[in-house]
Protein backbone atom coordinates (compact mmCIF):
# COMPACT_ATOMS: atom_id res chain seq x y z
CA MET A 1 153.99 10.05 13.00
CA SER A 2 153.75 8.35 16.32
CA ILE A 3 154.41 9.63 19.84
CA ILE A 4 156.28 6.44 20.78
CA PRO A 5 159.84 6.31 19.35
CA ASP A 6 160.68 3.41 17.04
CA ASP A 7 163.22 2.11 19.56
CA LEU A 8 160.48 1.46 22.13
CA LYS A 9 157.99 -0.14 19.75
CA MET A 10 157.66 -3.89 19.25
CA GLN A 11 159.30 -4.60 15.88
CA THR A 12 158.39 -7.57 13.71
CA PHE A 13 160.18 -9.03 10.72
CA PRO A 14 159.86 -12.07 8.46
CA CYS A 15 161.76 -15.19 9.51
CA PRO A 16 164.67 -15.83 7.11
CA SER A 17 163.72 -19.53 6.92
CA CYS A 18 159.92 -19.69 6.69
CA GLY A 19 158.90 -16.07 6.02
CA GLN A 20 156.38 -15.85 8.88
CA PHE A 21 156.42 -12.57 10.80
CA ILE A 22 158.01 -12.87 14.23
CA SER A 23 158.83 -10.44 17.04
CA SER A 24 162.25 -8.84 17.15
CA ASP A 25 162.89 -10.00 20.71
CA VAL A 26 162.80 -13.77 20.03
CA THR A 27 165.85 -15.97 19.44
CA VAL A 28 164.00 -18.92 17.89
CA CYS A 29 161.23 -18.78 15.29
CA ARG A 30 158.04 -20.22 16.76
CA PHE A 31 156.91 -21.51 13.35
CA CYS A 32 159.99 -23.33 12.05
CA SER A 33 162.32 -23.36 15.11
CA ALA A 34 165.12 -21.60 13.20
CA GLN A 35 167.74 -19.78 15.27
CA ILE A 36 167.58 -16.00 14.89
CA THR A 37 170.94 -14.30 15.37
CA GLU A 38 171.39 -10.69 16.40
CA GLU A 39 172.78 -9.75 12.98
CA VAL A 40 169.78 -11.22 11.16
CA ARG A 41 167.42 -9.52 13.58
CA GLN A 42 169.05 -6.08 13.23
CA ALA A 43 169.21 -6.33 9.43
CA ALA A 44 165.57 -7.36 9.20
CA VAL A 45 164.37 -4.61 11.55
CA GLN A 46 166.41 -1.98 9.68
CA ARG A 47 165.00 -3.20 6.35
CA GLU A 48 161.46 -3.01 7.76
CA LEU A 49 162.06 0.53 9.07
CA GLY A 50 163.46 1.52 5.68
CA GLU A 51 160.37 0.19 3.94
CA LYS A 52 158.10 2.10 6.35
CA LYS A 53 160.10 5.28 5.71
CA ASN A 54 159.78 4.82 1.93
CA ILE A 55 156.01 4.31 2.25
CA PHE A 56 155.71 7.48 4.36
CA LEU A 57 157.77 9.47 1.84
CA ARG A 58 155.62 8.16 -1.02
CA ASN A 59 152.48 9.21 0.87
CA GLN A 60 153.93 12.70 1.38
CA LYS A 61 154.64 12.97 -2.35
CA ASN A 62 151.06 11.91 -3.11
CA SER A 63 149.78 14.55 -0.66
CA LEU A 64 151.90 17.16 -2.42
CA ILE A 65 150.38 16.22 -5.78
CA THR A 66 146.89 16.32 -4.26
CA GLY A 67 147.56 19.82 -2.88
CA ILE A 68 148.81 21.04 -6.25
CA VAL A 69 145.71 19.65 -7.97
CA MET A 70 143.46 21.32 -5.37
CA VAL A 71 145.13 24.69 -5.92
CA ALA A 72 144.95 24.29 -9.71
CA ILE A 73 141.24 23.42 -9.57
CA GLY A 74 140.63 26.33 -7.20
CA PHE A 75 142.32 28.79 -9.53
CA GLY A 76 140.54 27.24 -12.51
CA LEU A 77 137.18 27.72 -10.83
CA PHE A 78 138.14 31.26 -9.89
CA LEU A 79 139.21 32.18 -13.44
CA ASN A 80 136.38 30.34 -15.19
CA PRO A 81 134.06 33.37 -15.54
CA ILE A 82 136.94 35.52 -16.80
CA ILE A 83 138.21 33.05 -19.39
CA SER A 84 134.95 31.79 -20.88
CA ALA A 85 132.78 34.80 -21.63
CA ARG A 86 130.10 32.70 -23.36
CA TRP A 87 129.10 31.44 -19.90
CA GLY A 88 128.42 34.97 -18.81
CA SER A 89 125.93 33.98 -16.14
CA THR A 90 128.49 31.77 -14.39
CA GLU A 91 129.69 33.19 -11.12
CA VAL A 92 132.75 32.27 -9.05
CA PRO A 93 131.84 29.00 -7.34
CA CYS A 94 132.02 29.04 -3.59
CA LEU A 95 134.50 26.13 -3.66
CA SER A 96 137.23 28.35 -5.08
CA PRO A 97 137.96 30.30 -1.86
CA ILE A 98 138.05 27.00 0.03
CA LEU A 99 140.16 24.92 -2.37
CA ILE A 100 143.02 27.38 -2.79
CA PRO A 101 143.98 27.83 0.90
CA LEU A 102 143.23 24.19 1.66
CA GLY A 103 145.45 23.08 -1.21
CA LEU A 104 148.24 25.42 -0.08
CA GLY A 105 147.96 24.01 3.44
CA VAL A 106 148.23 20.45 2.13
CA ILE A 107 151.27 21.42 0.05
CA ILE A 108 153.02 23.05 3.01
CA LEU A 109 152.29 20.17 5.40
CA SER A 110 153.42 17.54 2.90
CA ILE A 111 156.69 19.40 2.21
CA ILE A 112 157.36 19.76 5.95
CA GLY A 113 156.56 16.08 6.60
CA TYR A 114 158.70 14.95 3.65
CA TYR A 115 161.79 16.89 4.75
CA LYS A 116 161.41 15.95 8.41
CA GLU A 117 161.29 12.27 7.48
CA LYS A 118 164.11 12.63 4.96
CA ARG A 119 166.37 14.21 7.62
CA SER A 120 165.58 11.64 10.33
CA LYS A 121 168.04 8.80 10.87
């Protein structure tokens, strides 16, 4: 997330006529000279913000899955000597104490980020 609010950022959107990306503060497309009305501008900027929000939410879901996999691998490495007795000389790998808390941290941060973004605007 950014420190600058979305209202203060320069927004761009594709021109409805030619598809080239233009700034949200112009009234005429510099590529095809099409008139850009306020309604078209607002709709395009809102659509662009919606797409950015969906991408962020998808990234948070992917982070959640990554955290779950990290915790599962950590527990699997921790339980490996207990489950498979034929590898009796195998000890608990030193990655296990790192992966479990790290995975839990990733899970917590992704859930917090997901719900913050879901509640915003």
